[in-house]
C-alpha atoms as a PDB file:
ATOM      1  CA  UNK A   1      15.074  12.004  24.976  1.00  0.00           C
ATOM      2  CA  UNK A   2      11.922  10.683  26.490  1.00  0.00           C
ATOM      3  CA  UNK A   3       9.162   8.984  24.428  1.00  0.00           C
ATOM      4  CA  UNK A   4       8.435  10.492  21.038  1.00  0.00           C
ATOM      5  CA  UNK A   5       4.926  11.277  19.809  1.00  0.00           C
ATOM      6  CA  UNK A   6       3.992   9.708  16.433  1.00  0.00           C
ATOM      7  CA  UNK A   7       1.234  12.300  15.715  1.00  0.00           C
ATOM      8  CA  UNK A   8       3.574  15.108  16.518  1.00  0.00           C
ATOM      9  CA  UNK A   9       6.335  13.796  14.322  1.00  0.00           C
ATOM     10  CA  UNK A  10       3.944  13.288  11.457  1.00  0.00           C
ATOM     11  CA  UNK A  11       2.601  16.763  11.883  1.00  0.00           C
ATOM     12  CA  UNK A  12       6.173  18.172  11.839  1.00  0.00           C
ATOM     13  CA  UNK A  13       7.081  16.074   8.821  1.00  0.00           C
ATOM     14  CA  UNK A  14       4.143  17.424   6.863  1.00  0.00           C
ATOM     15  CA  UNK A  15       5.014  20.949   8.019  1.00  0.00           C
ATOM     16  CA  UNK A  16       8.638  20.536   6.774  1.00  0.00           C
ATOM     17  CA  UNK A  17       8.472  18.033   3.820  1.00  0.00           C
ATOM     18  CA  UNK A  18      11.722  19.073   2.131  1.00  0.00           C
ATOM     19  CA  UNK A  19      13.749  16.265   3.368  1.00  0.00           C
ATOM     20  CA  UNK A  20      11.454  13.337   2.577  1.00  0.00           C
ATOM     21  CA  UNK A  21      10.179  14.833  -0.630  1.00  0.00           C
ATOM     22  CA  UNK A  22      13.727  15.497  -1.921  1.00  0.00           C
ATOM     23  CA  UNK A  23      14.784  12.002  -0.844  1.00  0.00           C
ATOM     24  CA  UNK A  24      11.942  10.383  -2.638  1.00  0.00           C
ATOM     25  CA  UNK A  25      12.777  12.495  -5.816  1.00  0.00           C
ATOM     26  CA  UNK A  26      16.425  11.542  -5.569  1.00  0.00           C
ATOM     27  CA  UNK A  27      15.497   7.789  -5.196  1.00  0.00           C
ATOM     28  CA  UNK A  28      13.581   7.986  -8.517  1.00  0.00           C
ATOM     29  CA  UNK A  29      16.180   9.966 -10.257  1.00  0.00           C
ATOM     30  CA  UNK A  30      18.881   7.628  -9.296  1.00  0.00           C
ATOM     31  CA  UNK A  31      16.924   4.553 -10.308  1.00  0.00           C
ATOM     32  CA  UNK A  32      15.858   5.775 -13.807  1.00  0.00           C
ATOM     33  CA  UNK A  33      18.400   8.352 -14.869  1.00  0.00           C
ATOM     34  CA  UNK A  34      20.532   5.847 -16.858  1.00  0.00           C
ATOM     35  CA  UNK A  35      17.556   3.993 -18.373  1.00  0.00           C
ATOM     36  CA  UNK A  36      16.617   4.578 -21.921  1.00  0.00           C
ATOM     37  CA  UNK A  37      12.891   4.020 -21.194  1.00  0.00           C
ATOM     38  CA  UNK A  38      12.885   5.895 -17.836  1.00  0.00           C
ATOM     39  CA  UNK A  39       9.620   5.952 -16.167  1.00  0.00           C
ATOM     40  CA  UNK A  40       8.057   3.654 -18.669  1.00  0.00           C
ATOM     41  CA  UNK A  41       9.497   0.844 -16.624  1.00  0.00           C
ATOM     42  CA  UNK A  42       7.493   2.043 -13.733  1.00  0.00           C
ATOM     43  CA  UNK A  43       4.329   1.770 -15.779  1.00  0.00           C
ATOM     44  CA  UNK A  44       5.018  -1.716 -17.167  1.00  0.00           C
ATOM     45  CA  UNK A  45       3.888  -3.684 -14.090  1.00  0.00           C
ATOM     46  CA  UNK A  46       0.282  -2.470 -13.970  1.00  0.00           C
ATOM     47  CA  UNK A  47       0.119  -2.875 -17.823  1.00  0.00           C
ATOM     48  CA  UNK A  48       1.400  -6.375 -17.692  1.00  0.00           C
ATOM     49  CA  UNK A  49      -0.940  -7.310 -14.796  1.00  0.00           C
ATOM     50  CA  UNK A  50      -4.068  -5.562 -16.151  1.00  0.00           C
ATOM     51  CA  UNK A  51      -3.814  -6.473 -19.816  1.00  0.00           C
ATOM     52  CA  UNK A  52      -1.328  -9.363 -19.910  1.00  0.00           C
ATOM     53  CA  UNK A  53      -2.433 -11.559 -16.972  1.00  0.00           C
ATOM     54  CA  UNK A  54      -5.871 -10.128 -17.168  1.00  0.00           C
ATOM     55  CA  UNK A  55      -6.198 -11.211 -20.809  1.00  0.00           C
ATOM     56  CA  UNK A  56      -4.700 -14.674 -19.971  1.00  0.00           C
ATOM     57  CA  UNK A  57      -7.157 -15.296 -17.111  1.00  0.00           C
ATOM     58  CA  UNK A  58      -9.995 -14.130 -19.427  1.00  0.00           C
ATOM     59  CA  UNK A  59      -8.943 -16.810 -22.058  1.00  0.00           C
ATOM     60  CA  UNK A  60      -8.819 -19.639 -19.523  1.00  0.00           C
ATOM     61  CA  UNK A  61     -11.906 -18.547 -17.877  1.00  0.00           C
ATOM     62  CA  UNK A  62     -13.869 -18.188 -21.265  1.00  0.00           C
ATOM     63  CA  UNK A  63     -14.934 -14.686 -20.690  1.00  0.00           C
ATOM     64  CA  UNK A  64     -14.325 -11.340 -22.349  1.00  0.00           C
ATOM     65  CA  UNK A  65     -11.064  -9.657 -21.292  1.00  0.00           C
ATOM     66  CA  UNK A  66     -12.911  -6.437 -20.535  1.00  0.00           C
ATOM     67  CA  UNK A  67     -14.761  -8.185 -17.666  1.00  0.00           C
ATOM     68  CA  UNK A  68     -11.553  -8.943 -15.707  1.00  0.00           C
ATOM     69  CA  UNK A  69      -8.772  -6.412 -16.748  1.00  0.00           C
ATOM     70  CA  UNK A  70     -10.194  -3.627 -14.579  1.00  0.00           C
ATOM     71  CA  UNK A  71     -10.814  -5.906 -11.645  1.00  0.00           C
ATOM     72  CA  UNK A  72      -7.257  -7.189 -11.766  1.00  0.00           C
ATOM     73  CA  UNK A  73      -5.579  -4.007 -12.700  1.00  0.00           C
ATOM     74  CA  UNK A  74      -7.081  -1.840  -9.949  1.00  0.00           C
ATOM     75  CA  UNK A  75      -6.570  -4.504  -7.286  1.00  0.00           C
ATOM     76  CA  UNK A  76      -2.957  -4.961  -8.236  1.00  0.00           C
ATOM     77  CA  UNK A  77      -2.218  -1.232  -8.194  1.00  0.00           C
ATOM     78  CA  UNK A  78      -3.715  -0.781  -4.628  1.00  0.00           C
ATOM     79  CA  UNK A  79      -2.056  -3.944  -3.453  1.00  0.00           C
ATOM     80  CA  UNK A  80       1.319  -2.889  -4.770  1.00  0.00           C
ATOM     81  CA  UNK A  81       1.041   0.560  -3.058  1.00  0.00           C
ATOM     82  CA  UNK A  82       0.413  -1.023   0.351  1.00  0.00           C
ATOM     83  CA  UNK A  83       2.923  -3.940   0.082  1.00  0.00           C
ATOM     84  CA  UNK A  84       5.706  -1.859  -1.431  1.00  0.00           C
ATOM     85  CA  UNK A  85       5.397   0.550   1.503  1.00  0.00           C
ATOM     86  CA  UNK A  86       5.375  -2.186   4.136  1.00  0.00           C
ATOM     87  CA  UNK A  87       8.272  -4.095   2.565  1.00  0.00           C
ATOM     88  CA  UNK A  88      10.546  -1.029   2.201  1.00  0.00           C
ATOM     89  CA  UNK A  89       9.668   0.420   5.615  1.00  0.00           C
ATOM     90  CA  UNK A  90      11.004  -2.544   7.352  1.00  0.00           C
ATOM     91  CA  UNK A  91      14.559  -1.495   6.307  1.00  0.00           C
ATOM     92  CA  UNK A  92      14.076   2.315   6.012  1.00  0.00           C
ATOM     93  CA  UNK A  93      15.779   3.152   9.417  1.00  0.00           C
ATOM     94  CA  UNK A  94      18.809   0.971   8.706  1.00  0.00           C
ATOM     95  CA  UNK A  95      19.012   2.451   5.191  1.00  0.00           C
ATOM     96  CA  UNK A  96      19.172   5.903   6.677  1.00  0.00           C
ATOM     97  CA  UNK A  97      21.395   5.097   9.703  1.00  0.00           C
ATOM     98  CA  UNK A  98      23.849   7.765   8.748  1.00  0.00           C
ATOM     99  CA  UNK A  99      21.230  10.488   8.945  1.00  0.00           C
ATOM    100  CA  UNK A 100      19.675   9.104  12.031  1.00  0.00           C
ATOM    101  CA  UNK A 101      23.003   8.814  13.836  1.00  0.00           C
ATOM    102  CA  UNK A 102      23.895  12.386  12.759  1.00  0.00           C
ATOM    103  CA  UNK A 103      20.946  13.603  14.793  1.00  0.00           C
ATOM    104  CA  UNK A 104      18.013  13.588  12.339  1.00  0.00           C
ATOM    105  CA  UNK A 105      15.677  11.639  14.605  1.00  0.00           C
ATOM    106  CA  UNK A 106      12.264  12.706  13.221  1.00  0.00           C
ATOM    107  CA  UNK A 107      11.691   9.085  12.106  1.00  0.00           C
ATOM    108  CA  UNK A 108       8.440   9.828  10.278  1.00  0.00           C
ATOM    109  CA  UNK A 109      10.454  11.494   7.540  1.00  0.00           C
ATOM    110  CA  UNK A 110      11.889   8.165   6.556  1.00  0.00           C
ATOM    111  CA  UNK A 111       8.527   6.509   6.602  1.00  0.00           C
ATOM    112  CA  UNK A 112       6.961   9.224   4.442  1.00  0.00           C
ATOM    113  CA  UNK A 113       9.768   9.007   1.921  1.00  0.00           C
ATOM    114  CA  UNK A 114       8.787   5.395   1.394  1.00  0.00           C
ATOM    115  CA  UNK A 115       5.081   6.211   1.266  1.00  0.00           C
ATOM    116  CA  UNK A 116       5.612   9.115  -1.023  1.00  0.00           C
ATOM    117  CA  UNK A 117       7.553   6.945  -3.558  1.00  0.00           C
ATOM    118  CA  UNK A 118       4.898   4.177  -3.497  1.00  0.00           C
ATOM    119  CA  UNK A 119       2.203   6.862  -3.933  1.00  0.00           C
ATOM    120  CA  UNK A 120       4.141   8.164  -6.962  1.00  0.00           C
ATOM    121  CA  UNK A 121       3.959   4.785  -8.520  1.00  0.00           C
ATOM    122  CA  UNK A 122       0.354   4.543  -7.861  1.00  0.00           C
ATOM    123  CA  UNK A 123      -0.410   7.953  -9.343  1.00  0.00           C
ATOM    124  CA  UNK A 124       1.509   7.269 -12.670  1.00  0.00           C
ATOM    125  CA  UNK A 125      -0.482   3.993 -12.895  1.00  0.00           C
ATOM    126  CA  UNK A 126      -3.779   6.061 -13.127  1.00  0.00           C
ATOM    127  CA  UNK A 127      -3.706   6.316 -16.932  1.00  0.00           C
ATOM    128  CA  UNK A 128      -3.407   2.586 -17.301  1.00  0.00           C
ATOM    129  CA  UNK A 129      -6.218   2.077 -14.897  1.00  0.00           C
ATOM    130  CA  UNK A 130      -8.384   4.744 -16.574  1.00  0.00           C
ATOM    131  CA  UNK A 131      -8.033   2.733 -19.871  1.00  0.00           C
ATOM    132  CA  UNK A 132      -8.866  -0.521 -18.161  1.00  0.00           C
ATOM    133  CA  UNK A 133     -11.974   0.948 -16.492  1.00  0.00           C
ATOM    134  CA  UNK A 134     -13.127   2.562 -19.585  1.00  0.00           C
ATOM    135  CA  UNK A 135     -12.982  -0.726 -21.374  1.00  0.00           C
ATOM    136  CA  UNK A 136     -14.880  -2.499 -18.545  1.00  0.00           C
ATOM    137  CA  UNK A 137     -18.777  -2.796 -18.937  1.00  0.00           C
ATOM    138  CA  UNK A 138     -18.950  -2.918 -15.051  1.00  0.00           C
ATOM    139  CA  UNK A 139     -17.323   0.615 -14.662  1.00  0.00           C
ATOM    140  CA  UNK A 140     -19.641   3.080 -12.877  1.00  0.00           C
ATOM    141  CA  UNK A 141     -18.764   6.707 -13.176  1.00  0.00           C
ATOM    142  CA  UNK A 142     -20.412   7.395  -9.857  1.00  0.00           C
ATOM    143  CA  UNK A 143     -17.652   5.240  -8.276  1.00  0.00           C
ATOM    144  CA  UNK A 144     -15.185   7.983  -8.999  1.00  0.00           C
ATOM    145  CA  UNK A 145     -16.829  10.109  -6.217  1.00  0.00           C
ATOM    146  CA  UNK A 146     -15.640   7.554  -3.688  1.00  0.00           C
ATOM    147  CA  UNK A 147     -12.074   7.203  -5.066  1.00  0.00           C
ATOM    148  CA  UNK A 148     -10.405   9.960  -3.111  1.00  0.00           C
ATOM    149  CA  UNK A 149     -12.036   9.103   0.266  1.00  0.00           C
ATOM    150  CA  UNK A 150     -11.234   5.471  -0.296  1.00  0.00           C
ATOM    151  CA  UNK A 151      -7.559   6.226  -1.091  1.00  0.00           C
ATOM    152  CA  UNK A 152      -7.373   8.465   2.059  1.00  0.00           C
ATOM    153  CA  UNK A 153      -8.572   5.481   4.121  1.00  0.00           C
ATOM    154  CA  UNK A 154      -5.767   3.393   2.531  1.00  0.00           C
ATOM    155  CA  UNK A 155      -3.208   6.152   3.229  1.00  0.00           C
ATOM    156  CA  UNK A 156      -4.229   6.612   6.846  1.00  0.00           C
ATOM    157  CA  UNK A 157      -3.775   2.879   7.443  1.00  0.00           C
ATOM    158  CA  UNK A 158      -0.546   2.624   5.469  1.00  0.00           C
ATOM    159  CA  UNK A 159       0.912   5.554   7.655  1.00  0.00           C
ATOM    160  CA  UNK A 160       0.530   3.609  10.944  1.00  0.00           C
ATOM    161  CA  UNK A 161       1.529   0.256   9.326  1.00  0.00           C
ATOM    162  CA  UNK A 162       4.662   1.769   7.855  1.00  0.00           C
ATOM    163  CA  UNK A 163       5.761   3.367  11.139  1.00  0.00           C
ATOM    164  CA  UNK A 164       4.968   0.010  13.048  1.00  0.00           C
ATOM    165  CA  UNK A 165       7.014  -2.127  10.768  1.00  0.00           C
ATOM    166  CA  UNK A 166       9.731   0.376  10.570  1.00  0.00           C
ATOM    167  CA  UNK A 167      10.360   0.294  14.308  1.00  0.00           C
ATOM    168  CA  UNK A 168      10.073  -3.429  14.317  1.00  0.00           C
ATOM    169  CA  UNK A 169      12.430  -3.727  11.436  1.00  0.00           C
ATOM    170  CA  UNK A 170      15.047  -1.598  13.183  1.00  0.00           C
ATOM    171  CA  UNK A 171      14.987  -3.915  16.173  1.00  0.00           C
ATOM    172  CA  UNK A 172      14.639  -7.230  14.356  1.00  0.00           C
ATOM    173  CA  UNK A 173      16.412  -7.385  10.962  1.00  0.00           C
ATOM    174  CA  UNK A 174      14.570 -10.704  10.207  1.00  0.00           C
ATOM    175  CA  UNK A 175      11.333  -8.714   9.963  1.00  0.00           C
ATOM    176  CA  UNK A 176      12.160  -7.640   6.357  1.00  0.00           C
ATOM    177  CA  UNK A 177      12.468 -11.316   5.181  1.00  0.00           C
ATOM    178  CA  UNK A 178       9.363 -12.275   7.180  1.00  0.00           C
ATOM    179  CA  UNK A 179       7.364  -9.421   5.735  1.00  0.00           C
ATOM    180  CA  UNK A 180       8.177 -10.509   2.182  1.00  0.00           C
ATOM    181  CA  UNK A 181       6.967 -13.978   2.910  1.00  0.00           C
ATOM    182  CA  UNK A 182       3.858 -12.750   4.621  1.00  0.00           C
ATOM    183  CA  UNK A 183       3.025 -10.452   1.770  1.00  0.00           C
ATOM    184  CA  UNK A 184       3.574 -13.150  -0.826  1.00  0.00           C
ATOM    185  CA  UNK A 185       1.216 -15.410   1.142  1.00  0.00           C
ATOM    186  CA  UNK A 186      -1.445 -12.598   1.622  1.00  0.00           C
ATOM    187  CA  UNK A 187      -1.474 -12.040  -2.096  1.00  0.00           C
ATOM    188  CA  UNK A 188      -3.298 -15.439  -2.420  1.00  0.00           C
ATOM    189  CA  UNK A 189      -6.037 -14.255   0.040  1.00  0.00           C
ATOM    190  CA  UNK A 190      -6.455 -10.874  -1.627  1.00  0.00           C
ATOM    191  CA  UNK A 191      -9.159 -10.671  -4.254  1.00  0.00           C
ATOM    192  CA  UNK A 192      -6.962  -9.751  -7.306  1.00  0.00           C
ATOM    193  CA  UNK A 193      -6.843 -12.879  -9.316  1.00  0.00           C
ATOM    194  CA  UNK A 194     -10.238 -13.991  -7.974  1.00  0.00           C
ATOM    195  CA  UNK A 195     -13.565 -12.226  -7.098  1.00  0.00           C
ATOM    196  CA  UNK A 196     -14.765 -11.700  -3.586  1.00  0.00           C
ATOM    197  CA  UNK A 197     -17.923 -13.416  -4.499  1.00  0.00           C
ATOM    198  CA  UNK A 198     -15.888 -16.717  -4.856  1.00  0.00           C
ATOM    199  CA  UNK A 199     -15.267 -16.517  -1.038  1.00  0.00           C
ATOM    200  CA  UNK A 200     -18.658 -15.411   0.345  1.00  0.00           C
ATOM    201  CA  UNK A 201     -19.315 -14.508   3.944  1.00  0.00           C
ATOM    202  CA  UNK A 202     -20.464 -17.441   5.928  1.00  0.00           C
ATOM    203  CA  UNK A 203     -17.891 -19.857   4.437  1.00  0.00           C
ATOM    204  CA  UNK A 204     -14.577 -20.963   5.724  1.00  0.00           C
ATOM    205  CA  UNK A 205     -12.699 -19.470   2.753  1.00  0.00           C
ATOM    206  CA  UNK A 206     -14.753 -16.257   3.084  1.00  0.00           C
ATOM    207  CA  UNK A 207     -13.861 -15.974   6.785  1.00  0.00           C
ATOM    208  CA  UNK A 208     -10.170 -16.543   6.273  1.00  0.00           C
ATOM    209  CA  UNK A 209     -10.008 -14.080   3.293  1.00  0.00           C
ATOM    210  CA  UNK A 210     -11.775 -11.371   5.342  1.00  0.00           C
ATOM    211  CA  UNK A 211      -9.269 -11.531   8.130  1.00  0.00           C
ATOM    212  CA  UNK A 212      -6.787 -10.183   5.595  1.00  0.00           C
ATOM    213  CA  UNK A 213      -6.550  -6.376   5.870  1.00  0.00           C
ATOM    214  CA  UNK A 214      -5.441  -6.163   2.268  1.00  0.00           C
ATOM    215  CA  UNK A 215      -8.820  -7.743   1.258  1.00  0.00           C
ATOM    216  CA  UNK A 216     -10.730  -4.747   2.647  1.00  0.00           C
ATOM    217  CA  UNK A 217      -8.291  -2.062   1.540  1.00  0.00           C
ATOM    218  CA  UNK A 218      -8.527  -3.300  -2.054  1.00  0.00           C
ATOM    219  CA  UNK A 219     -12.297  -3.638  -1.901  1.00  0.00           C
ATOM    220  CA  UNK A 220     -12.966  -0.184  -0.572  1.00  0.00           C
ATOM    221  CA  UNK A 221     -11.162   1.380  -3.553  1.00  0.00           C
ATOM    222  CA  UNK A 222     -12.185  -0.974  -6.294  1.00  0.00           C
ATOM    223  CA  UNK A 223     -15.829  -2.031  -5.510  1.00  0.00           C
ATOM    224  CA  UNK A 224     -17.493   1.270  -6.199  1.00  0.00           C
ATOM    225  CA  UNK A 225     -15.555   1.683  -9.404  1.00  0.00           C
ATOM    226  CA  UNK A 226     -16.999  -1.667 -10.686  1.00  0.00           C
ATOM    227  CA  UNK A 227     -20.505  -0.912  -9.449  1.00  0.00           C
ATOM    228  CA  UNK A 228     -20.304  -3.295  -6.518  1.00  0.00           C
ATOM    229  CA  UNK A 229     -21.426  -2.482  -2.960  1.00  0.00           C
ATOM    230  CA  UNK A 230     -18.933  -2.159  -0.193  1.00  0.00           C
ATOM    231  CA  UNK A 231     -20.012  -4.663   2.517  1.00  0.00           C
ATOM    232  CA  UNK A 232     -20.766  -3.566   6.159  1.00  0.00           C
ATOM    233  CA  UNK A 233     -18.001  -5.965   7.164  1.00  0.00           C
ATOM    234  CA  UNK A 234     -15.428  -3.976   5.220  1.00  0.00           C
ATOM    235  CA  UNK A 235     -16.554  -0.684   6.855  1.00  0.00           C
ATOM    236  CA  UNK A 236     -16.519  -2.113  10.326  1.00  0.00           C
ATOM    237  CA  UNK A 237     -13.216  -3.935   9.728  1.00  0.00           C
ATOM    238  CA  UNK A 238     -11.390  -0.949   8.465  1.00  0.00           C
ATOM    239  CA  UNK A 239     -12.835   1.338  11.205  1.00  0.00           C
ATOM    240  CA  UNK A 240     -11.581  -1.160  13.843  1.00  0.00           C
ATOM    241  CA  UNK A 241      -8.279  -1.638  12.004  1.00  0.00           C
ATOM    242  CA  UNK A 242      -7.663   2.152  11.857  1.00  0.00           C
ATOM    243  CA  UNK A 243      -8.450   2.707  15.562  1.00  0.00           C
ATOM    244  CA  UNK A 244      -6.590  -0.212  16.911  1.00  0.00           C
ATOM    245  CA  UNK A 245      -3.664   0.170  14.562  1.00  0.00           C
ATOM    246  CA  UNK A 246      -3.126   3.886  15.312  1.00  0.00           C
ATOM    247  CA  UNK A 247      -3.404   3.136  19.032  1.00  0.00           C
ATOM    248  CA  UNK A 248      -0.910   0.348  19.042  1.00  0.00           C
ATOM    249  CA  UNK A 249       1.598   2.195  16.785  1.00  0.00           C
ATOM    250  CA  UNK A 250       1.358   5.387  18.773  1.00  0.00           C
ATOM    251  CA  UNK A 251       2.225   3.333  22.002  1.00  0.00           C
ATOM    252  CA  UNK A 252       5.028   1.407  20.321  1.00  0.00           C
ATOM    253  CA  UNK A 253       6.543   4.562  18.805  1.00  0.00           C
ATOM    254  CA  UNK A 254       6.348   6.421  22.012  1.00  0.00           C
ATOM    255  CA  UNK A 255       7.829   3.528  24.023  1.00  0.00           C
ATOM    256  CA  UNK A 256      10.590   2.300  21.563  1.00  0.00           C
ATOM    257  CA  UNK A 257      11.398   4.794  18.842  1.00  0.00           C
ATOM    258  CA  UNK A 258      14.007   6.423  21.123  1.00  0.00           C
ATOM    259  CA  UNK A 259      16.053   3.177  20.815  1.00  0.00           C
ATOM    260  CA  UNK A 260      16.182   3.188  17.102  1.00  0.00           C
ATOM    261  CA  UNK A 261      19.560   4.965  16.876  1.00  0.00           C
ATOM    262  CA  UNK A 262      21.039   2.266  19.206  1.00  0.00           C
ATOM    263  CA  UNK A 263      19.515  -0.631  17.245  1.00  0.00           C
ATOM    264  CA  UNK A 264      20.715   0.367  13.857  1.00  0.00           C
END
């Protein structure tokens, strides 16, 4: 087997989604089938972040809760989608070593299983976010028009990120632990518990924060919903990130994916 094509594998995975869709459904079924509350547990994190932590930050900041719960809630949901995907993708090939060694070597199936599961959690969080946005005086209905395109931008970037860290994780088991530490650190530099205006462009803290891709992935989704403009920096950063990210991952996948069955 020579080099594999990432785009071709993704195309084939979308053409034949039975494996990764069923694997995603089986993951969820196995996790919640013995729980009395079932999927309510999946909704609890955004509820606690938006209304629990959001309410607490409103109290210590001496401002109405409605001014912060939507900001924090939407930011957390987008952040959770990206980080949950990246964290699990680092071990997705080793977790499916049996399938891979049996000859199922369309590796994008395993990446899409992870993305689909994270997307499911994002979708079931929508009712919580709808309530938070409805309560927010900053909410702009016109921002809903940008929601789907913005989420597509996030998905396109998560697709290459997931494939890249999956290959790296298969080769280097320590990538999983490293990724957890990086994402924990990145949380502090992502405008979830704070506003982007607190780290304005032209300042050291603003420069450092805007090096973080999660900053821009969160902002492109949340800013229009709260009536805030998306900066030109975010547009340029995400355009560059998408082009360079897909170029790098396509090369890495073509060069090294064929070694995955050996590494795991």
